[in-house]
Amino acid sequence: MMTQTLHASIPQEPPRLTGMSDAVFAEVAARLAEVVAGASAPPIELTAMPLTSEDRADLEQRLGRGEVFATIESAGRSEVWETQFSGVWFVRHFGENDRTASECIEFGAAPAILFSHRADMAAAARRLATALQPANAHETTDH
């Protein structure tokens, strides 16, 4: 007796808009209004949200790109850009094989990743002071 296995072919639906991009876009507007009113607004973490690829593309298209773009190379690569809405920043961190590790939308004059840490600035000030020492030793008071 011969048995036969049949494999049903179920067509895959293409990704589609779920309404999540509308909800996130509305939340972006609300949080930016909070910042303008003087409050702080936490970032919107997109990584864990059930966004389809269509939702992500729609959200990125609606937010657009502004004038500022930065790539940061520190413990992996990160990309940051201001959207077409001043004070709304898209932040994307990459992991292994250049895959997106996390994405968020931040609000304010600039995203946190672009600010120097006080300890880093203190170390830089010490290095600058050391770099100036040889130059100071060559200066003379005879002019």
N, C-alpha and C. Protein backbone atom coordinates (compact mmCIF):
# COMPACT_ATOMS: atom_id res chain seq x y z
N MET A 1 0.83 -1.17 0.00
CA MET A 1 0.00 0.00 0.00
C MET A 1 0.89 1.24 0.00
N MET A 2 0.54 2.16 -0.83
CA MET A 2 1.32 3.37 -0.99
C MET A 2 0.60 4.54 -0.35
N THR A 3 1.34 5.28 0.46
CA THR A 3 0.73 6.47 1.05
C THR A 3 1.28 7.70 0.35
N GLN A 4 0.45 8.64 0.24
CA GLN A 4 0.84 9.86 -0.45
C GLN A 4 0.57 11.05 0.47
N THR A 5 1.55 11.93 0.55
CA THR A 5 1.39 13.13 1.36
C THR A 5 1.07 14.29 0.44
N LEU A 6 0.00 14.96 0.74
CA LEU A 6 -0.38 16.12 -0.05
C LEU A 6 0.00 17.38 0.72
N HIS A 7 0.59 18.30 0.04
CA HIS A 7 0.96 19.58 0.63
C HIS A 7 0.07 20.65 0.02
N ALA A 8 -0.75 21.21 0.85
CA ALA A 8 -1.62 22.27 0.36
C ALA A 8 -0.82 23.55 0.22
N SER A 9 -1.03 24.21 -0.86
CA SER A 9 -0.35 25.48 -1.09
C SER A 9 -1.27 26.61 -0.64
N ILE A 10 -0.87 27.25 0.44
CA ILE A 10 -1.66 28.36 0.96
C ILE A 10 -0.97 29.65 0.52
N PRO A 11 -1.67 30.43 -0.27
CA PRO A 11 -1.03 31.67 -0.73
C PRO A 11 -0.76 32.60 0.44
N GLN A 12 0.41 33.21 0.41
CA GLN A 12 0.79 34.16 1.45
C GLN A 12 0.26 35.54 1.06
N GLU A 13 -0.43 36.17 2.00
CA GLU A 13 -0.88 37.53 1.75
C GLU A 13 0.29 38.48 1.91
N PRO A 14 0.38 39.46 1.05
CA PRO A 14 1.45 40.44 1.22
C PRO A 14 1.20 41.25 2.50
N PRO A 15 2.26 41.77 3.10
CA PRO A 15 2.06 42.61 4.28
C PRO A 15 1.12 43.76 3.93
N ARG A 16 0.37 44.18 4.91
CA ARG A 16 -0.57 45.26 4.64
C ARG A 16 -0.60 46.22 5.82
N LEU A 17 -1.20 47.37 5.58
CA LEU A 17 -1.36 48.34 6.64
C LEU A 17 -2.38 47.83 7.64
N THR A 18 -2.04 47.94 8.91
CA THR A 18 -2.92 47.43 9.96
C THR A 18 -3.61 48.54 10.74
N GLY A 19 -3.21 49.78 10.50
CA GLY A 19 -3.72 50.89 11.29
C GLY A 19 -2.73 51.32 12.37
N MET A 20 -1.70 50.49 12.59
CA MET A 20 -0.70 50.82 13.61
C MET A 20 0.07 52.09 13.25
N SER A 21 0.36 52.31 11.98
CA SER A 21 1.10 53.52 11.61
C SER A 21 0.26 54.77 11.90
N ASP A 22 -1.06 54.67 11.73
CA ASP A 22 -1.94 55.79 12.08
C ASP A 22 -1.87 56.08 13.58
N ALA A 23 -1.91 55.02 14.38
CA ALA A 23 -1.87 55.18 15.84
C ALA A 23 -0.54 55.78 16.29
N VAL A 24 0.56 55.29 15.73
CA VAL A 24 1.88 55.81 16.11
C VAL A 24 2.01 57.26 15.65
N PHE A 25 1.53 57.58 14.46
CA PHE A 25 1.61 58.95 13.95
C PHE A 25 0.84 59.90 14.86
N ALA A 26 -0.33 59.49 15.32
CA ALA A 26 -1.12 60.31 16.26
C ALA A 26 -0.38 60.49 17.57
N GLU A 27 0.28 59.44 18.05
CA GLU A 27 1.05 59.52 19.29
C GLU A 27 2.25 60.45 19.13
N VAL A 28 2.88 60.44 17.96
CA VAL A 28 3.99 61.37 17.68
C VAL A 28 3.49 62.80 17.82
N ALA A 29 2.33 63.10 17.23
CA ALA A 29 1.77 64.45 17.31
C ALA A 29 1.49 64.85 18.75
N ALA A 30 0.93 63.93 19.54
CA ALA A 30 0.61 64.22 20.94
C ALA A 30 1.88 64.47 21.76
N ARG A 31 2.90 63.66 21.55
CA ARG A 31 4.13 63.81 22.33
C ARG A 31 4.89 65.07 21.95
N LEU A 32 4.91 65.42 20.68
CA LEU A 32 5.58 66.65 20.29
C LEU A 32 4.85 67.85 20.91
N ALA A 33 3.53 67.81 20.95
CA ALA A 33 2.76 68.89 21.58
C ALA A 33 3.13 69.01 23.06
N GLU A 34 3.35 67.88 23.75
CA GLU A 34 3.78 67.91 25.15
C GLU A 34 5.12 68.62 25.30
N VAL A 35 6.05 68.30 24.41
CA VAL A 35 7.39 68.91 24.46
C VAL A 35 7.29 70.41 24.21
N VAL A 36 6.49 70.81 23.24
CA VAL A 36 6.31 72.23 22.94
C VAL A 36 5.72 72.96 24.15
N ALA A 37 4.86 72.29 24.91
CA ALA A 37 4.24 72.88 26.10
C ALA A 37 5.18 72.91 27.30
N GLY A 38 6.39 72.36 27.14
CA GLY A 38 7.37 72.41 28.22
C GLY A 38 7.57 71.12 28.98
N ALA A 39 6.83 70.10 28.65
CA ALA A 39 6.99 68.80 29.32
C ALA A 39 8.03 67.98 28.58
N SER A 40 8.42 66.88 29.18
CA SER A 40 9.28 65.94 28.46
C SER A 40 8.39 64.80 27.97
N ALA A 41 8.80 64.19 26.90
CA ALA A 41 8.03 63.08 26.34
C ALA A 41 8.95 61.90 26.15
N PRO A 42 8.56 60.75 26.65
CA PRO A 42 9.41 59.56 26.47
C PRO A 42 9.42 59.14 25.00
N PRO A 43 10.49 58.45 24.61
CA PRO A 43 10.55 57.96 23.23
C PRO A 43 9.43 56.94 22.96
N ILE A 44 9.10 56.80 21.71
CA ILE A 44 8.19 55.74 21.28
C ILE A 44 9.08 54.61 20.78
N GLU A 45 9.06 53.50 21.48
CA GLU A 45 9.87 52.33 21.11
C GLU A 45 9.10 51.53 20.07
N LEU A 46 9.63 51.47 18.86
CA LEU A 46 8.94 50.80 17.75
C LEU A 46 9.26 49.31 17.66
N THR A 47 10.38 48.90 18.24
CA THR A 47 10.88 47.55 18.03
C THR A 47 9.88 46.47 18.43
N ALA A 48 9.23 46.64 19.55
CA ALA A 48 8.33 45.60 20.05
C ALA A 48 6.90 45.74 19.53
N MET A 49 6.64 46.79 18.78
CA MET A 49 5.27 47.00 18.28
C MET A 49 4.97 46.05 17.12
N PRO A 50 3.73 45.61 17.02
CA PRO A 50 3.36 44.71 15.92
C PRO A 50 3.13 45.46 14.61
N LEU A 51 4.21 46.06 14.10
CA LEU A 51 4.13 46.81 12.85
C LEU A 51 4.51 45.89 11.69
N THR A 52 3.71 45.88 10.65
CA THR A 52 4.09 45.14 9.45
C THR A 52 5.13 45.97 8.69
N SER A 53 5.75 45.37 7.71
CA SER A 53 6.72 46.14 6.91
C SER A 53 6.01 47.30 6.20
N GLU A 54 4.76 47.12 5.83
CA GLU A 54 3.98 48.20 5.22
C GLU A 54 3.73 49.32 6.23
N ASP A 55 3.42 48.95 7.48
CA ASP A 55 3.22 49.96 8.53
C ASP A 55 4.48 50.79 8.72
N ARG A 56 5.63 50.10 8.79
CA ARG A 56 6.91 50.80 9.00
C ARG A 56 7.20 51.75 7.83
N ALA A 57 7.00 51.26 6.62
CA ALA A 57 7.26 52.09 5.44
C ALA A 57 6.32 53.30 5.42
N ASP A 58 5.06 53.09 5.77
CA ASP A 58 4.09 54.18 5.80
C ASP A 58 4.47 55.21 6.85
N LEU A 59 4.86 54.75 8.03
CA LEU A 59 5.25 55.67 9.10
C LEU A 59 6.48 56.48 8.69
N GLU A 60 7.49 55.81 8.15
CA GLU A 60 8.70 56.53 7.71
C GLU A 60 8.37 57.54 6.61
N GLN A 61 7.50 57.17 5.69
CA GLN A 61 7.13 58.07 4.60
C GLN A 61 6.39 59.28 5.15
N ARG A 62 5.48 59.08 6.08
CA ARG A 62 4.69 60.18 6.65
C ARG A 62 5.55 61.11 7.50
N LEU A 63 6.51 60.54 8.23
CA LEU A 63 7.40 61.38 9.04
C LEU A 63 8.41 62.11 8.16
N GLY A 64 8.80 61.49 7.06
CA GLY A 64 9.72 62.12 6.13
C GLY A 64 11.11 62.32 6.71
N ARG A 65 11.92 63.04 5.97
CA ARG A 65 13.29 63.33 6.38
C ARG A 65 13.48 64.83 6.41
N GLY A 66 14.15 65.28 7.47
CA GLY A 66 14.48 66.70 7.59
C GLY A 66 15.88 66.96 7.12
N GLU A 67 16.50 67.97 7.73
CA GLU A 67 17.81 68.44 7.27
C GLU A 67 18.98 67.75 7.93
N VAL A 68 18.76 67.05 9.03
CA VAL A 68 19.88 66.50 9.81
C VAL A 68 19.87 64.98 9.75
N PHE A 69 21.05 64.42 9.47
CA PHE A 69 21.25 62.97 9.47
C PHE A 69 22.61 62.70 10.07
N ALA A 70 22.70 61.70 10.94
CA ALA A 70 23.99 61.35 11.54
C ALA A 70 24.12 59.84 11.62
N THR A 71 25.35 59.37 11.42
CA THR A 71 25.69 57.97 11.64
C THR A 71 26.66 57.93 12.80
N ILE A 72 26.38 57.10 13.78
CA ILE A 72 27.22 56.97 14.97
C ILE A 72 27.85 55.59 14.96
N GLU A 73 29.16 55.53 15.14
CA GLU A 73 29.88 54.26 15.20
C GLU A 73 30.40 54.09 16.62
N SER A 74 29.59 53.52 17.49
CA SER A 74 29.98 53.31 18.88
C SER A 74 29.20 52.10 19.38
N ALA A 75 29.92 51.02 19.67
CA ALA A 75 29.27 49.77 20.09
C ALA A 75 28.22 49.37 19.06
N GLY A 76 28.59 49.41 17.80
CA GLY A 76 27.67 49.12 16.72
C GLY A 76 27.29 50.41 16.01
N ARG A 77 26.64 50.27 14.89
CA ARG A 77 26.26 51.44 14.09
C ARG A 77 24.85 51.87 14.44
N SER A 78 24.66 53.18 14.49
CA SER A 78 23.34 53.76 14.70
C SER A 78 23.13 54.86 13.68
N GLU A 79 21.91 55.02 13.25
CA GLU A 79 21.54 56.12 12.35
C GLU A 79 20.46 56.95 13.03
N VAL A 80 20.60 58.26 12.89
CA VAL A 80 19.67 59.19 13.50
C VAL A 80 19.30 60.22 12.44
N TRP A 81 18.03 60.52 12.32
CA TRP A 81 17.66 61.62 11.43
C TRP A 81 16.47 62.37 12.00
N GLU A 82 16.52 63.68 11.75
CA GLU A 82 15.37 64.49 12.11
C GLU A 82 14.33 64.26 11.03
N THR A 83 13.09 64.14 11.43
CA THR A 83 12.02 63.97 10.46
C THR A 83 11.68 65.34 9.88
N GLN A 84 10.71 65.39 9.00
CA GLN A 84 10.29 66.68 8.45
C GLN A 84 9.61 67.55 9.51
N PHE A 85 9.39 66.98 10.69
CA PHE A 85 8.78 67.70 11.80
C PHE A 85 9.87 68.01 12.82
N SER A 86 10.26 69.27 12.92
CA SER A 86 11.34 69.65 13.84
C SER A 86 11.04 69.14 15.24
N GLY A 87 12.07 68.57 15.86
CA GLY A 87 11.92 68.04 17.21
C GLY A 87 11.48 66.59 17.26
N VAL A 88 11.24 65.99 16.11
CA VAL A 88 10.87 64.57 16.04
C VAL A 88 12.02 63.84 15.34
N TRP A 89 12.64 62.91 16.06
CA TRP A 89 13.85 62.22 15.59
C TRP A 89 13.62 60.73 15.48
N PHE A 90 14.09 60.15 14.40
CA PHE A 90 14.03 58.70 14.20
C PHE A 90 15.41 58.15 14.52
N VAL A 91 15.48 57.17 15.41
CA VAL A 91 16.75 56.59 15.83
C VAL A 91 16.71 55.09 15.56
N ARG A 92 17.69 54.60 14.80
CA ARG A 92 17.75 53.18 14.45
C ARG A 92 19.14 52.64 14.81
N HIS A 93 19.16 51.57 15.61
CA HIS A 93 20.41 50.92 16.00
C HIS A 93 20.51 49.59 15.26
N PHE A 94 21.72 49.27 14.79
CA PHE A 94 21.95 48.04 14.04
C PHE A 94 22.77 47.07 14.87
N GLY A 95 22.51 45.79 14.68
CA GLY A 95 23.25 44.74 15.36
C GLY A 95 24.04 43.93 14.36
N GLU A 96 24.17 42.64 14.68
CA GLU A 96 24.91 41.72 13.82
C GLU A 96 24.35 41.70 12.41
N ASN A 97 25.24 41.55 11.44
CA ASN A 97 24.87 41.47 10.03
C ASN A 97 24.05 42.67 9.57
N ASP A 98 24.25 43.80 10.24
CA ASP A 98 23.58 45.05 9.88
C ASP A 98 22.06 44.95 9.94
N ARG A 99 21.57 44.09 10.81
CA ARG A 99 20.13 43.96 11.00
C ARG A 99 19.67 44.98 12.04
N THR A 100 18.48 45.49 11.87
CA THR A 100 17.94 46.46 12.81
C THR A 100 17.77 45.79 14.17
N ALA A 101 18.41 46.37 15.19
CA ALA A 101 18.31 45.85 16.56
C ALA A 101 17.22 46.57 17.33
N SER A 102 17.10 47.87 17.11
CA SER A 102 16.03 48.63 17.76
C SER A 102 15.77 49.91 16.98
N GLU A 103 14.54 50.38 17.13
CA GLU A 103 14.12 51.62 16.49
C GLU A 103 13.24 52.38 17.47
N CYS A 104 13.43 53.69 17.51
CA CYS A 104 12.53 54.49 18.33
C CYS A 104 12.39 55.88 17.72
N ILE A 105 11.40 56.59 18.20
CA ILE A 105 11.20 57.98 17.83
C ILE A 105 11.39 58.79 19.09
N GLU A 106 12.29 59.78 19.04
CA GLU A 106 12.57 60.63 20.19
C GLU A 106 12.11 62.05 19.90
N PHE A 107 11.94 62.81 20.99
CA PHE A 107 11.40 64.15 20.88
C PHE A 107 12.30 65.15 21.59
N GLY A 108 12.55 66.28 20.96
CA GLY A 108 13.35 67.33 21.58
C GLY A 108 14.28 67.97 20.57
N ALA A 109 15.19 68.82 21.08
CA ALA A 109 16.13 69.53 20.22
C ALA A 109 17.05 68.56 19.48
N ALA A 110 17.41 67.47 20.14
CA ALA A 110 18.26 66.43 19.53
C ALA A 110 18.06 65.15 20.33
N PRO A 111 18.28 64.00 19.72
CA PRO A 111 18.14 62.74 20.46
C PRO A 111 19.30 62.55 21.43
N ALA A 112 19.05 61.80 22.47
CA ALA A 112 20.04 61.59 23.54
C ALA A 112 21.37 61.06 23.02
N ILE A 113 21.35 60.22 22.01
CA ILE A 113 22.59 59.60 21.52
C ILE A 113 23.56 60.63 20.95
N LEU A 114 23.08 61.81 20.58
CA LEU A 114 23.95 62.83 20.01
C LEU A 114 24.61 63.73 21.05
N PHE A 115 24.18 63.62 22.31
CA PHE A 115 24.77 64.45 23.35
C PHE A 115 25.99 63.78 23.94
N SER A 116 27.02 64.57 24.19
CA SER A 116 28.23 64.04 24.84
C SER A 116 27.96 63.84 26.33
N HIS A 117 28.50 62.77 26.87
CA HIS A 117 28.39 62.51 28.30
C HIS A 117 29.41 63.37 29.04
N ARG A 118 29.03 63.83 30.23
CA ARG A 118 29.91 64.71 31.00
C ARG A 118 31.26 64.05 31.26
N ALA A 119 31.30 62.77 31.57
CA ALA A 119 32.57 62.08 31.83
C ALA A 119 33.45 62.07 30.57
N ASP A 120 32.84 61.89 29.41
CA ASP A 120 33.60 61.93 28.15
C ASP A 120 34.17 63.33 27.91
N MET A 121 33.37 64.35 28.23
CA MET A 121 33.86 65.73 28.04
C MET A 121 34.99 66.04 29.01
N ALA A 122 34.90 65.52 30.24
CA ALA A 122 35.97 65.74 31.22
C ALA A 122 37.26 65.08 30.75
N ALA A 123 37.17 63.88 30.21
CA ALA A 123 38.35 63.19 29.69
C ALA A 123 38.93 63.96 28.50
N ALA A 124 38.07 64.50 27.66
CA ALA A 124 38.53 65.28 26.51
C ALA A 124 39.23 66.56 26.97
N ALA A 125 38.71 67.19 28.00
CA ALA A 125 39.33 68.41 28.53
C ALA A 125 40.73 68.11 29.06
N ARG A 126 40.88 66.96 29.73
CA ARG A 126 42.21 66.57 30.23
C ARG A 126 43.17 66.31 29.07
N ARG A 127 42.69 65.64 28.02
CA ARG A 127 43.55 65.38 26.86
C ARG A 127 43.96 66.68 26.17
N LEU A 128 43.03 67.62 26.07
CA LEU A 128 43.37 68.91 25.46
C LEU A 128 44.40 69.65 26.30
N ALA A 129 44.23 69.62 27.62
CA ALA A 129 45.20 70.28 28.50
C ALA A 129 46.58 69.66 28.33
N THR A 130 46.63 68.34 28.22
CA THR A 130 47.91 67.65 28.01
C THR A 130 48.50 68.02 26.66
N ALA A 131 47.67 68.10 25.65
CA ALA A 131 48.13 68.45 24.31
C ALA A 131 48.68 69.88 24.26
N LEU A 132 48.17 70.74 25.10
CA LEU A 132 48.64 72.13 25.14
C LEU A 132 49.98 72.28 25.84
N GLN A 133 50.33 71.36 26.73
CA GLN A 133 51.56 71.49 27.52
C GLN A 133 52.81 71.67 26.67
N PRO A 134 53.07 70.88 25.66
CA PRO A 134 54.27 71.10 24.85
C PRO A 134 54.25 72.47 24.16
N ALA A 135 53.09 72.91 23.73
CA ALA A 135 52.98 74.21 23.07
C ALA A 135 53.29 75.32 24.06
N ASN A 136 52.84 75.19 25.30
CA ASN A 136 53.10 76.19 26.33
C ASN A 136 54.58 76.25 26.67
N ALA A 137 55.27 75.13 26.63
CA ALA A 137 56.70 75.09 26.98
C ALA A 137 57.53 75.85 25.96
N HIS A 138 57.08 75.98 24.71
CA HIS A 138 57.84 76.66 23.67
C HIS A 138 57.56 78.16 23.61
N GLU A 139 56.53 78.59 24.33
CA GLU A 139 56.21 80.02 24.31
C GLU A 139 57.25 80.80 25.08
N THR A 140 57.55 81.97 24.61
CA THR A 140 58.47 82.85 25.33
C THR A 140 57.75 84.13 25.69
N THR A 141 58.26 84.80 26.67
CA THR A 141 57.66 86.06 27.07
C THR A 141 58.30 87.24 26.36
N ASP A 142 59.35 86.99 25.59
CA ASP A 142 60.01 88.06 24.83
C ASP A 142 59.26 88.29 23.53
N HIS A 143 58.63 89.40 23.40
CA HIS A 143 57.91 89.72 22.15
C HIS A 143 58.49 90.91 21.52
